[in-house]
mmCIF file of all heavy atoms, coordinates in Angstrom:
data_MODEL
# 
_entry.id   MODEL 
# 
loop_
_atom_site.group_PDB 
_atom_site.id 
_atom_site.type_symbol 
_atom_site.label_atom_id 
_atom_site.label_alt_id 
_atom_site.label_comp_id 
_atom_site.label_asym_id 
_atom_site.label_entity_id 
_atom_site.label_seq_id 
_atom_site.pdbx_PDB_ins_code 
_atom_site.Cartn_x 
_atom_site.Cartn_y 
_atom_site.Cartn_z 
_atom_site.occupancy 
_atom_site.B_iso_or_equiv 
_atom_site.pdbx_formal_charge 
_atom_site.auth_seq_id 
_atom_site.auth_comp_id 
_atom_site.auth_asym_id 
_atom_site.auth_atom_id 
_atom_site.pdbx_PDB_model_num 
ATOM 1   N N   . GLU A 1 1  ? 81.197  96.789  99.189  1.00 0.00 ? 1  GLU A N   1 
ATOM 2   C CA  . GLU A 1 1  ? 82.201  96.755  98.126  1.00 0.00 ? 1  GLU A CA  1 
ATOM 3   C C   . GLU A 1 1  ? 83.583  97.080  98.673  1.00 0.00 ? 1  GLU A C   1 
ATOM 4   O O   . GLU A 1 1  ? 83.782  98.102  99.326  1.00 0.00 ? 1  GLU A O   1 
ATOM 5   C CB  . GLU A 1 1  ? 81.830  97.754  97.033  1.00 0.00 ? 1  GLU A CB  1 
ATOM 6   C CG  . GLU A 1 1  ? 82.790  97.750  95.847  1.00 0.00 ? 1  GLU A CG  1 
ATOM 7   C CD  . GLU A 1 1  ? 82.320  98.647  94.728  1.00 0.00 ? 1  GLU A CD  1 
ATOM 8   O OE1 . GLU A 1 1  ? 81.370  98.254  94.012  1.00 0.00 ? 1  GLU A OE1 1 
ATOM 9   O OE2 . GLU A 1 1  ? 82.881  99.755  94.587  1.00 0.00 ? 1  GLU A OE2 1 
ATOM 10  N N   . LEU A 1 2  ? 84.543  96.195  98.389  1.00 0.00 ? 2  LEU A N   1 
ATOM 11  C CA  . LEU A 1 2  ? 85.940  96.400  98.746  1.00 0.00 ? 2  LEU A CA  1 
ATOM 12  C C   . LEU A 1 2  ? 86.792  96.274  97.493  1.00 0.00 ? 2  LEU A C   1 
ATOM 13  O O   . LEU A 1 2  ? 86.377  95.674  96.501  1.00 0.00 ? 2  LEU A O   1 
ATOM 14  C CB  . LEU A 1 2  ? 86.401  95.373  99.788  1.00 0.00 ? 2  LEU A CB  1 
ATOM 15  C CG  . LEU A 1 2  ? 85.662  95.360  101.130 1.00 0.00 ? 2  LEU A CG  1 
ATOM 16  C CD1 . LEU A 1 2  ? 86.171  94.215  101.994 1.00 0.00 ? 2  LEU A CD1 1 
ATOM 17  C CD2 . LEU A 1 2  ? 85.837  96.675  101.867 1.00 0.00 ? 2  LEU A CD2 1 
ATOM 18  N N   . TRP A 1 3  ? 87.984  96.837  97.553  1.00 0.00 ? 3  TRP A N   1 
ATOM 19  C CA  . TRP A 1 3  ? 88.943  96.726  96.451  1.00 0.00 ? 3  TRP A CA  1 
ATOM 20  C C   . TRP A 1 3  ? 90.197  96.014  96.947  1.00 0.00 ? 3  TRP A C   1 
ATOM 21  O O   . TRP A 1 3  ? 90.769  96.395  97.973  1.00 0.00 ? 3  TRP A O   1 
ATOM 22  C CB  . TRP A 1 3  ? 89.307  98.109  95.913  1.00 0.00 ? 3  TRP A CB  1 
ATOM 23  C CG  . TRP A 1 3  ? 88.203  98.747  95.134  1.00 0.00 ? 3  TRP A CG  1 
ATOM 24  C CD1 . TRP A 1 3  ? 87.200  99.526  95.627  1.00 0.00 ? 3  TRP A CD1 1 
ATOM 25  C CD2 . TRP A 1 3  ? 87.973  98.649  93.729  1.00 0.00 ? 3  TRP A CD2 1 
ATOM 26  N NE1 . TRP A 1 3  ? 86.357  99.919  94.619  1.00 0.00 ? 3  TRP A NE1 1 
ATOM 27  C CE2 . TRP A 1 3  ? 86.810  99.398  93.437  1.00 0.00 ? 3  TRP A CE2 1 
ATOM 28  C CE3 . TRP A 1 3  ? 88.634  98.012  92.685  1.00 0.00 ? 3  TRP A CE3 1 
ATOM 29  C CZ2 . TRP A 1 3  ? 86.295  99.527  92.156  1.00 0.00 ? 3  TRP A CZ2 1 
ATOM 30  C CZ3 . TRP A 1 3  ? 88.121  98.131  91.398  1.00 0.00 ? 3  TRP A CZ3 1 
ATOM 31  C CH2 . TRP A 1 3  ? 86.975  98.879  91.144  1.00 0.00 ? 3  TRP A CH2 1 
ATOM 32  N N   . GLU A 1 4  ? 90.585  94.952  96.234  1.00 0.00 ? 4  GLU A N   1 
ATOM 33  C CA  . GLU A 1 4  ? 91.843  94.261  96.523  1.00 0.00 ? 4  GLU A CA  1 
ATOM 34  C C   . GLU A 1 4  ? 92.934  94.935  95.690  1.00 0.00 ? 4  GLU A C   1 
ATOM 35  O O   . GLU A 1 4  ? 92.965  94.805  94.477  1.00 0.00 ? 4  GLU A O   1 
ATOM 36  C CB  . GLU A 1 4  ? 91.738  92.776  96.168  1.00 0.00 ? 4  GLU A CB  1 
ATOM 37  C CG  . GLU A 1 4  ? 93.008  91.981  96.459  1.00 0.00 ? 4  GLU A CG  1 
ATOM 38  C CD  . GLU A 1 4  ? 92.892  90.524  96.062  1.00 0.00 ? 4  GLU A CD  1 
ATOM 39  O OE1 . GLU A 1 4  ? 91.859  89.900  96.411  1.00 0.00 ? 4  GLU A OE1 1 
ATOM 40  O OE2 . GLU A 1 4  ? 93.815  90.016  95.386  1.00 0.00 ? 4  GLU A OE2 1 
ATOM 41  N N   . ILE A 1 5  ? 93.823  95.645  96.360  1.00 0.00 ? 5  ILE A N   1 
ATOM 42  C CA  . ILE A 1 5  ? 94.836  96.459  95.685  1.00 0.00 ? 5  ILE A CA  1 
ATOM 43  C C   . ILE A 1 5  ? 96.197  95.774  95.796  1.00 0.00 ? 5  ILE A C   1 
ATOM 44  O O   . ILE A 1 5  ? 96.626  95.400  96.891  1.00 0.00 ? 5  ILE A O   1 
ATOM 45  C CB  . ILE A 1 5  ? 94.916  97.872  96.312  1.00 0.00 ? 5  ILE A CB  1 
ATOM 46  C CG1 . ILE A 1 5  ? 93.557  98.572  96.224  1.00 0.00 ? 5  ILE A CG1 1 
ATOM 47  C CG2 . ILE A 1 5  ? 95.991  98.705  95.633  1.00 0.00 ? 5  ILE A CG2 1 
ATOM 48  C CD1 . ILE A 1 5  ? 93.494  99.878  96.990  1.00 0.00 ? 5  ILE A CD1 1 
ATOM 49  N N   . HIS A 1 6  ? 96.861  95.616  94.666  1.00 0.00 ? 6  HIS A N   1 
ATOM 50  C CA  . HIS A 1 6  ? 98.246  95.131  94.626  1.00 0.00 ? 6  HIS A CA  1 
ATOM 51  C C   . HIS A 1 6  ? 99.099  96.308  94.161  1.00 0.00 ? 6  HIS A C   1 
ATOM 52  O O   . HIS A 1 6  ? 98.953  96.777  93.023  1.00 0.00 ? 6  HIS A O   1 
ATOM 53  C CB  . HIS A 1 6  ? 98.382  93.947  93.671  1.00 0.00 ? 6  HIS A CB  1 
ATOM 54  C CG  . HIS A 1 6  ? 97.573  92.756  94.080  1.00 0.00 ? 6  HIS A CG  1 
ATOM 55  N ND1 . HIS A 1 6  ? 98.123  91.682  94.743  1.00 0.00 ? 6  HIS A ND1 1 
ATOM 56  C CD2 . HIS A 1 6  ? 96.245  92.477  93.945  1.00 0.00 ? 6  HIS A CD2 1 
ATOM 57  C CE1 . HIS A 1 6  ? 97.178  90.788  94.987  1.00 0.00 ? 6  HIS A CE1 1 
ATOM 58  N NE2 . HIS A 1 6  ? 96.040  91.259  94.505  1.00 0.00 ? 6  HIS A NE2 1 
ATOM 59  N N   . ALA A 1 7  ? 99.977  96.790  95.039  1.00 0.00 ? 7  ALA A N   1 
ATOM 60  C CA  . ALA A 1 7  ? 100.655 98.055  94.757  1.00 0.00 ? 7  ALA A CA  1 
ATOM 61  C C   . ALA A 1 7  ? 102.112 98.021  95.187  1.00 0.00 ? 7  ALA A C   1 
ATOM 62  O O   . ALA A 1 7  ? 102.523 97.241  96.049  1.00 0.00 ? 7  ALA A O   1 
ATOM 63  C CB  . ALA A 1 7  ? 99.942  99.205  95.475  1.00 0.00 ? 7  ALA A CB  1 
ATOM 64  N N   . ARG A 1 8  ? 102.886 98.887  94.550  1.00 0.00 ? 8  ARG A N   1 
ATOM 65  C CA  . ARG A 1 8  ? 104.240 99.216  94.999  1.00 0.00 ? 8  ARG A CA  1 
ATOM 66  C C   . ARG A 1 8  ? 104.126 100.483 95.852  1.00 0.00 ? 8  ARG A C   1 
ATOM 67  O O   . ARG A 1 8  ? 103.682 101.518 95.364  1.00 0.00 ? 8  ARG A O   1 
ATOM 68  C CB  . ARG A 1 8  ? 105.155 99.469  93.800  1.00 0.00 ? 8  ARG A CB  1 
ATOM 69  C CG  . ARG A 1 8  ? 105.596 98.208  93.071  1.00 0.00 ? 8  ARG A CG  1 
ATOM 70  C CD  . ARG A 1 8  ? 106.991 97.810  93.503  1.00 0.00 ? 8  ARG A CD  1 
ATOM 71  N NE  . ARG A 1 8  ? 107.363 96.499  92.966  1.00 0.00 ? 8  ARG A NE  1 
ATOM 72  C CZ  . ARG A 1 8  ? 108.088 96.321  91.874  1.00 0.00 ? 8  ARG A CZ  1 
ATOM 73  N NH1 . ARG A 1 8  ? 108.497 97.371  91.175  1.00 0.00 ? 8  ARG A NH1 1 
ATOM 74  N NH2 . ARG A 1 8  ? 108.410 95.111  91.492  1.00 0.00 ? 8  ARG A NH2 1 
ATOM 75  N N   . PHE A 1 9  ? 104.543 100.388 97.122  1.00 0.00 ? 9  PHE A N   1 
ATOM 76  C CA  . PHE A 1 9  ? 104.348 101.524 98.023  1.00 0.00 ? 9  PHE A CA  1 
ATOM 77  C C   . PHE A 1 9  ? 105.429 101.506 99.095  1.00 0.00 ? 9  PHE A C   1 
ATOM 78  O O   . PHE A 1 9  ? 105.773 100.448 99.637  1.00 0.00 ? 9  PHE A O   1 
ATOM 79  C CB  . PHE A 1 9  ? 102.962 101.443 98.671  1.00 0.00 ? 9  PHE A CB  1 
ATOM 80  C CG  . PHE A 1 9  ? 102.584 102.662 99.471  1.00 0.00 ? 9  PHE A CG  1 
ATOM 81  C CD1 . PHE A 1 9  ? 102.109 103.798 98.835  1.00 0.00 ? 9  PHE A CD1 1 
ATOM 82  C CD2 . PHE A 1 9  ? 102.708 102.664 100.846 1.00 0.00 ? 9  PHE A CD2 1 
ATOM 83  C CE1 . PHE A 1 9  ? 101.751 104.928 99.567  1.00 0.00 ? 9  PHE A CE1 1 
ATOM 84  C CE2 . PHE A 1 9  ? 102.359 103.780 101.589 1.00 0.00 ? 9  PHE A CE2 1 
ATOM 85  C CZ  . PHE A 1 9  ? 101.888 104.915 100.952 1.00 0.00 ? 9  PHE A CZ  1 
ATOM 86  N N   . ASP A 1 10 ? 105.966 102.679 99.388  1.00 0.00 ? 10 ASP A N   1 
ATOM 87  C CA  . ASP A 1 10 ? 106.969 102.833 100.450 1.00 0.00 ? 10 ASP A CA  1 
ATOM 88  C C   . ASP A 1 10 ? 106.245 102.808 101.791 1.00 0.00 ? 10 ASP A C   1 
ATOM 89  O O   . ASP A 1 10 ? 105.705 103.814 102.237 1.00 0.00 ? 10 ASP A O   1 
ATOM 90  C CB  . ASP A 1 10 ? 107.729 104.146 100.256 1.00 0.00 ? 10 ASP A CB  1 
ATOM 91  C CG  . ASP A 1 10 ? 108.829 104.338 101.291 1.00 0.00 ? 10 ASP A CG  1 
ATOM 92  O OD1 . ASP A 1 10 ? 109.017 103.441 102.139 1.00 0.00 ? 10 ASP A OD1 1 
ATOM 93  O OD2 . ASP A 1 10 ? 109.481 105.393 101.278 1.00 0.00 ? 10 ASP A OD2 1 
ATOM 94  N N   . THR A 1 11 ? 106.234 101.655 102.437 1.00 0.00 ? 11 THR A N   1 
ATOM 95  C CA  . THR A 1 11 ? 105.470 101.497 103.679 1.00 0.00 ? 11 THR A CA  1 
ATOM 96  C C   . THR A 1 11 ? 106.210 101.987 104.918 1.00 0.00 ? 11 THR A C   1 
ATOM 97  O O   . THR A 1 11 ? 105.583 102.217 105.956 1.00 0.00 ? 11 THR A O   1 
ATOM 98  C CB  . THR A 1 11 ? 105.109 100.016 103.893 1.00 0.00 ? 11 THR A CB  1 
ATOM 99  O OG1 . THR A 1 11 ? 106.314 99.237  103.962 1.00 0.00 ? 11 THR A OG1 1 
ATOM 100 C CG2 . THR A 1 11 ? 104.238 99.506  102.750 1.00 0.00 ? 11 THR A CG2 1 
ATOM 101 N N   . THR A 1 12 ? 107.522 102.131 104.816 1.00 0.00 ? 12 THR A N   1 
ATOM 102 C CA  . THR A 1 12 ? 108.309 102.477 106.006 1.00 0.00 ? 12 THR A CA  1 
ATOM 103 C C   . THR A 1 12 ? 108.905 103.872 105.962 1.00 0.00 ? 12 THR A C   1 
ATOM 104 O O   . THR A 1 12 ? 109.301 104.408 106.998 1.00 0.00 ? 12 THR A O   1 
ATOM 105 C CB  . THR A 1 12 ? 109.462 101.468 106.191 1.00 0.00 ? 12 THR A CB  1 
ATOM 106 O OG1 . THR A 1 12 ? 110.309 101.506 105.021 1.00 0.00 ? 12 THR A OG1 1 
ATOM 107 C CG2 . THR A 1 12 ? 108.917 100.061 106.374 1.00 0.00 ? 12 THR A CG2 1 
ATOM 108 N N   . GLY A 1 13 ? 109.004 104.456 104.756 1.00 0.00 ? 13 GLY A N   1 
ATOM 109 C CA  . GLY A 1 13 ? 109.611 105.773 104.641 1.00 0.00 ? 13 GLY A CA  1 
ATOM 110 C C   . GLY A 1 13 ? 111.112 105.745 104.439 1.00 0.00 ? 13 GLY A C   1 
ATOM 111 O O   . GLY A 1 13 ? 111.790 106.773 104.546 1.00 0.00 ? 13 GLY A O   1 
ATOM 112 N N   . ASN A 1 14 ? 111.655 104.544 104.097 1.00 0.00 ? 14 ASN A N   1 
ATOM 113 C CA  . ASN A 1 14 ? 113.101 104.431 103.890 1.00 0.00 ? 14 ASN A CA  1 
ATOM 114 C C   . ASN A 1 14 ? 113.506 104.672 102.434 1.00 0.00 ? 14 ASN A C   1 
ATOM 115 O O   . ASN A 1 14 ? 114.672 104.528 102.080 1.00 0.00 ? 14 ASN A O   1 
ATOM 116 C CB  . ASN A 1 14 ? 113.610 103.058 104.345 1.00 0.00 ? 14 ASN A CB  1 
ATOM 117 C CG  . ASN A 1 14 ? 113.005 101.910 103.531 1.00 0.00 ? 14 ASN A CG  1 
ATOM 118 O OD1 . ASN A 1 14 ? 112.206 102.136 102.615 1.00 0.00 ? 14 ASN A OD1 1 
ATOM 119 N ND2 . ASN A 1 14 ? 113.379 100.689 103.867 1.00 0.00 ? 14 ASN A ND2 1 
ATOM 120 N N   . GLY A 1 15 ? 112.541 105.021 101.574 1.00 0.00 ? 15 GLY A N   1 
ATOM 121 C CA  . GLY A 1 15 ? 112.846 105.307 100.176 1.00 0.00 ? 15 GLY A CA  1 
ATOM 122 C C   . GLY A 1 15 ? 112.726 104.116 99.258  1.00 0.00 ? 15 GLY A C   1 
ATOM 123 O O   . GLY A 1 15 ? 112.905 104.262 98.043  1.00 0.00 ? 15 GLY A O   1 
ATOM 124 N N   . PHE A 1 16 ? 112.448 102.924 99.793  1.00 0.00 ? 16 PHE A N   1 
ATOM 125 C CA  . PHE A 1 16 ? 112.306 101.724 98.970  1.00 0.00 ? 16 PHE A CA  1 
ATOM 126 C C   . PHE A 1 16 ? 110.861 101.256 99.007  1.00 0.00 ? 16 PHE A C   1 
ATOM 127 O O   . PHE A 1 16 ? 110.228 101.223 100.072 1.00 0.00 ? 16 PHE A O   1 
ATOM 128 C CB  . PHE A 1 16 ? 113.228 100.606 99.481  1.00 0.00 ? 16 PHE A CB  1 
ATOM 129 C CG  . PHE A 1 16 ? 114.678 100.912 99.335  1.00 0.00 ? 16 PHE A CG  1 
ATOM 130 C CD1 . PHE A 1 16 ? 115.399 101.460 100.392 1.00 0.00 ? 16 PHE A CD1 1 
ATOM 131 C CD2 . PHE A 1 16 ? 115.340 100.687 98.138  1.00 0.00 ? 16 PHE A CD2 1 
ATOM 132 C CE1 . PHE A 1 16 ? 116.748 101.755 100.264 1.00 0.00 ? 16 PHE A CE1 1 
ATOM 133 C CE2 . PHE A 1 16 ? 116.686 100.983 97.992  1.00 0.00 ? 16 PHE A CE2 1 
ATOM 134 C CZ  . PHE A 1 16 ? 117.391 101.518 99.061  1.00 0.00 ? 16 PHE A CZ  1 
ATOM 135 N N   . GLU A 1 17 ? 110.336 100.886 97.844  1.00 0.00 ? 17 GLU A N   1 
ATOM 136 C CA  . GLU A 1 17 ? 108.942 100.460 97.743  1.00 0.00 ? 17 GLU A CA  1 
ATOM 137 C C   . GLU A 1 17 ? 108.802 98.960  98.010  1.00 0.00 ? 17 GLU A C   1 
ATOM 138 O O   . GLU A 1 17 ? 109.630 98.162  97.573  1.00 0.00 ? 17 GLU A O   1 
ATOM 139 C CB  . GLU A 1 17 ? 108.385 100.781 96.361  1.00 0.00 ? 17 GLU A CB  1 
ATOM 140 C CG  . GLU A 1 17 ? 108.250 102.269 96.075  1.00 0.00 ? 17 GLU A CG  1 
ATOM 141 C CD  . GLU A 1 17 ? 107.656 102.540 94.710  1.00 0.00 ? 17 GLU A CD  1 
ATOM 142 O OE1 . GLU A 1 17 ? 108.108 101.892 93.732  1.00 0.00 ? 17 GLU A OE1 1 
ATOM 143 O OE2 . GLU A 1 17 ? 106.750 103.374 94.615  1.00 0.00 ? 17 GLU A OE2 1 
ATOM 144 N N   . ASP A 1 18 ? 107.754 98.596  98.731  1.00 0.00 ? 18 ASP A N   1 
ATOM 145 C CA  . ASP A 1 18 ? 107.409 97.199  98.979  1.00 0.00 ? 18 ASP A CA  1 
ATOM 146 C C   . ASP A 1 18 ? 106.226 96.816  98.104  1.00 0.00 ? 18 ASP A C   1 
ATOM 147 O O   . ASP A 1 18 ? 105.396 97.655  97.755  1.00 0.00 ? 18 ASP A O   1 
ATOM 148 C CB  . ASP A 1 18 ? 107.034 96.993  100.454 1.00 0.00 ? 18 ASP A CB  1 
ATOM 149 C CG  . ASP A 1 18 ? 108.179 97.294  101.397 1.00 0.00 ? 18 ASP A CG  1 
ATOM 150 O OD1 . ASP A 1 18 ? 109.237 96.663  101.247 1.00 0.00 ? 18 ASP A OD1 1 
ATOM 151 O OD2 . ASP A 1 18 ? 108.012 98.161  102.284 1.00 0.00 ? 18 ASP A OD2 1 
ATOM 152 N N   . ASP A 1 19 ? 106.137 95.532  97.762  1.00 0.00 ? 19 ASP A N   1 
ATOM 153 C CA  . ASP A 1 19 ? 104.951 95.013  97.094  1.00 0.00 ? 19 ASP A CA  1 
ATOM 154 C C   . ASP A 1 19 ? 103.950 94.607  98.162  1.00 0.00 ? 19 ASP A C   1 
ATOM 155 O O   . ASP A 1 19 ? 104.243 93.735  98.993  1.00 0.00 ? 19 ASP A O   1 
ATOM 156 C CB  . ASP A 1 19 ? 105.308 93.805  96.216  1.00 0.00 ? 19 ASP A CB  1 
ATOM 157 C CG  . ASP A 1 19 ? 106.087 94.216  94.980  1.00 0.00 ? 19 ASP A CG  1 
ATOM 158 O OD1 . ASP A 1 19 ? 105.648 95.144  94.290  1.00 0.00 ? 19 ASP A OD1 1 
ATOM 159 O OD2 . ASP A 1 19 ? 107.149 93.620  94.716  1.00 0.00 ? 19 ASP A OD2 1 
ATOM 160 N N   . VAL A 1 20 ? 102.793 95.242  98.160  1.00 0.00 ? 20 VAL A N   1 
ATOM 161 C CA  . VAL A 1 20 ? 101.788 94.997  99.191  1.00 0.00 ? 20 VAL A CA  1 
ATOM 162 C C   . VAL A 1 20 ? 100.470 94.596  98.563  1.00 0.00 ? 20 VAL A C   1 
ATOM 163 O O   . VAL A 1 20 ? 100.183 94.897  97.395  1.00 0.00 ? 20 VAL A O   1 
ATOM 164 C CB  . VAL A 1 20 ? 101.581 96.232  100.091 1.00 0.00 ? 20 VAL A CB  1 
ATOM 165 C CG1 . VAL A 1 20 ? 102.856 96.550  100.861 1.00 0.00 ? 20 VAL A CG1 1 
ATOM 166 C CG2 . VAL A 1 20 ? 101.135 97.443  99.275  1.00 0.00 ? 20 VAL A CG2 1 
ATOM 167 N N   . GLU A 1 21 ? 99.666  93.903  99.353  1.00 0.00 ? 21 GLU A N   1 
ATOM 168 C CA  . GLU A 1 21 ? 98.316  93.477  98.956  1.00 0.00 ? 21 GLU A CA  1 
ATOM 169 C C   . GLU A 1 21 ? 97.358  93.985  100.022 1.00 0.00 ? 21 GLU A C   1 
ATOM 170 O O   . GLU A 1 21 ? 97.432  93.565  101.187 1.00 0.00 ? 21 GLU A O   1 
ATOM 171 C CB  . GLU A 1 21 ? 98.265  91.958  98.864  1.00 0.00 ? 21 GLU A CB  1 
ATOM 172 C CG  . GLU A 1 21 ? 96.898  91.388  98.553  1.00 0.00 ? 21 GLU A CG  1 
ATOM 173 C CD  . GLU A 1 21 ? 96.888  89.873  98.647  1.00 0.00 ? 21 GLU A CD  1 
ATOM 174 O OE1 . GLU A 1 21 ? 97.879  89.233  98.237  1.00 0.00 ? 21 GLU A OE1 1 
ATOM 175 O OE2 . GLU A 1 21 ? 95.876  89.337  99.141  1.00 0.00 ? 21 GLU A OE2 1 
ATOM 176 N N   . VAL A 1 22 ? 96.491  94.903  99.659  1.00 0.00 ? 22 VAL A N   1 
ATOM 177 C CA  . VAL A 1 22 ? 95.648  95.604  100.632 1.00 0.00 ? 22 VAL A CA  1 
ATOM 178 C C   . VAL A 1 22 ? 94.186  95.474  100.240 1.00 0.00 ? 22 VAL A C   1 
ATOM 179 O O   . VAL A 1 22 ? 93.819  95.680  99.082  1.00 0.00 ? 22 VAL A O   1 
ATOM 180 C CB  . VAL A 1 22 ? 96.038  97.103  100.713 1.00 0.00 ? 22 VAL A CB  1 
ATOM 181 C CG1 . VAL A 1 22 ? 95.129  97.843  101.702 1.00 0.00 ? 22 VAL A CG1 1 
ATOM 182 C CG2 . VAL A 1 22 ? 97.504  97.248  101.123 1.00 0.00 ? 22 VAL A CG2 1 
ATOM 183 N N   . LEU A 1 23 ? 93.347  95.133  101.210 1.00 0.00 ? 23 LEU A N   1 
ATOM 184 C CA  . LEU A 1 23 ? 91.900  95.131  101.025 1.00 0.00 ? 23 LEU A CA  1 
ATOM 185 C C   . LEU A 1 23 ? 91.385  96.462  101.556 1.00 0.00 ? 23 LEU A C   1 
ATOM 186 O O   . LEU A 1 23 ? 91.555  96.780  102.738 1.00 0.00 ? 23 LEU A O   1 
ATOM 187 C CB  . LEU A 1 23 ? 91.286  93.953  101.770 1.00 0.00 ? 23 LEU A CB  1 
ATOM 188 C CG  . LEU A 1 23 ? 89.969  93.397  101.233 1.00 0.00 ? 23 LEU A CG  1 
ATOM 189 C CD1 . LEU A 1 23 ? 90.111  92.968  99.778  1.00 0.00 ? 23 LEU A CD1 1 
ATOM 190 C CD2 . LEU A 1 23 ? 89.495  92.223  102.073 1.00 0.00 ? 23 LEU A CD2 1 
ATOM 191 N N   . PHE A 1 24 ? 90.733  97.242  100.685 1.00 0.00 ? 24 PHE A N   1 
ATOM 192 C CA  . PHE A 1 24 ? 90.496  98.656  100.959 1.00 0.00 ? 24 PHE A CA  1 
ATOM 193 C C   . PHE A 1 24 ? 89.040  99.021  100.696 1.00 0.00 ? 24 PHE A C   1 
ATOM 194 O O   . PHE A 1 24 ? 88.458  98.618  99.688  1.00 0.00 ? 24 PHE A O   1 
ATOM 195 C CB  . PHE A 1 24 ? 91.421  99.487  100.060 1.00 0.00 ? 24 PHE A CB  1 
ATOM 196 C CG  . PHE A 1 24 ? 91.443  100.959 100.337 1.00 0.00 ? 24 PHE A CG  1 
ATOM 197 C CD1 . PHE A 1 24 ? 91.942  101.455 101.529 1.00 0.00 ? 24 PHE A CD1 1 
ATOM 198 C CD2 . PHE A 1 24 ? 90.981  101.865 99.393  1.00 0.00 ? 24 PHE A CD2 1 
ATOM 199 C CE1 . PHE A 1 24 ? 91.993  102.823 101.787 1.00 0.00 ? 24 PHE A CE1 1 
ATOM 200 C CE2 . PHE A 1 24 ? 91.019  103.229 99.627  1.00 0.00 ? 24 PHE A CE2 1 
ATOM 201 C CZ  . PHE A 1 24 ? 91.516  103.712 100.832 1.00 0.00 ? 24 PHE A CZ  1 
ATOM 202 N N   . HIS A 1 25 ? 88.458  99.804  101.617 1.00 0.00 ? 25 HIS A N   1 
ATOM 203 C CA  . HIS A 1 25 ? 87.093  100.304 101.466 1.00 0.00 ? 25 HIS A CA  1 
ATOM 204 C C   . HIS A 1 25 ? 87.173  101.780 101.094 1.00 0.00 ? 25 HIS A C   1 
ATOM 205 O O   . HIS A 1 25 ? 87.615  102.606 101.887 1.00 0.00 ? 25 HIS A O   1 
ATOM 206 C CB  . HIS A 1 25 ? 86.313  100.126 102.768 1.00 0.00 ? 25 HIS A CB  1 
ATOM 207 C CG  . HIS A 1 25 ? 84.862  100.483 102.652 1.00 0.00 ? 25 HIS A CG  1 
ATOM 208 N ND1 . HIS A 1 25 ? 84.305  101.555 103.322 1.00 0.00 ? 25 HIS A ND1 1 
ATOM 209 C CD2 . HIS A 1 25 ? 83.846  99.921  101.941 1.00 0.00 ? 25 HIS A CD2 1 
ATOM 210 C CE1 . HIS A 1 25 ? 83.018  101.623 103.042 1.00 0.00 ? 25 HIS A CE1 1 
ATOM 211 N NE2 . HIS A 1 25 ? 82.713  100.654 102.205 1.00 0.00 ? 25 HIS A NE2 1 
ATOM 212 N N   . VAL A 1 26 ? 86.767  102.113 99.885  1.00 0.00 ? 26 VAL A N   1 
ATOM 213 C CA  . VAL A 1 26 ? 86.984  103.458 99.345  1.00 0.00 ? 26 VAL A CA  1 
ATOM 214 C C   . VAL A 1 26 ? 86.164  104.538 100.052 1.00 0.00 ? 26 VAL A C   1 
ATOM 215 O O   . VAL A 1 26 ? 86.709  105.582 100.411 1.00 0.00 ? 26 VAL A O   1 
ATOM 216 C CB  . VAL A 1 26 ? 86.737  103.470 97.821  1.00 0.00 ? 26 VAL A CB  1 
ATOM 217 C CG1 . VAL A 1 26 ? 86.790  104.891 97.278  1.00 0.00 ? 26 VAL A CG1 1 
ATOM 218 C CG2 . VAL A 1 26 ? 87.780  102.596 97.111  1.00 0.00 ? 26 VAL A CG2 1 
ATOM 219 N N   . PRO A 1 27 ? 84.847  104.361 100.262 1.00 0.00 ? 27 PRO A N   1 
ATOM 220 C CA  . PRO A 1 27 ? 84.076  105.469 100.847 1.00 0.00 ? 27 PRO A CA  1 
ATOM 221 C C   . PRO A 1 27 ? 84.611  105.958 102.191 1.00 0.00 ? 27 PRO A C   1 
ATOM 222 O O   . PRO A 1 27 ? 84.575  107.157 102.479 1.00 0.00 ? 27 PRO A O   1 
ATOM 223 C CB  . PRO A 1 27 ? 82.673  104.874 100.986 1.00 0.00 ? 27 PRO A CB  1 
ATOM 224 C CG  . PRO A 1 27 ? 82.607  103.810 99.942  1.00 0.00 ? 27 PRO A CG  1 
ATOM 225 C CD  . PRO A 1 27 ? 83.979  103.235 99.900  1.00 0.00 ? 27 PRO A CD  1 
# 
C-alpha cells in the first residue's frame, strides 16, 4: 500500500511552498 500525496510544502526552506506530488509508504 502506497499513498499518492498532493501537497503544498516548503521543499527548500526559503519560506515559499511548492506544489508537490509524492508517492509515500507510511509504515
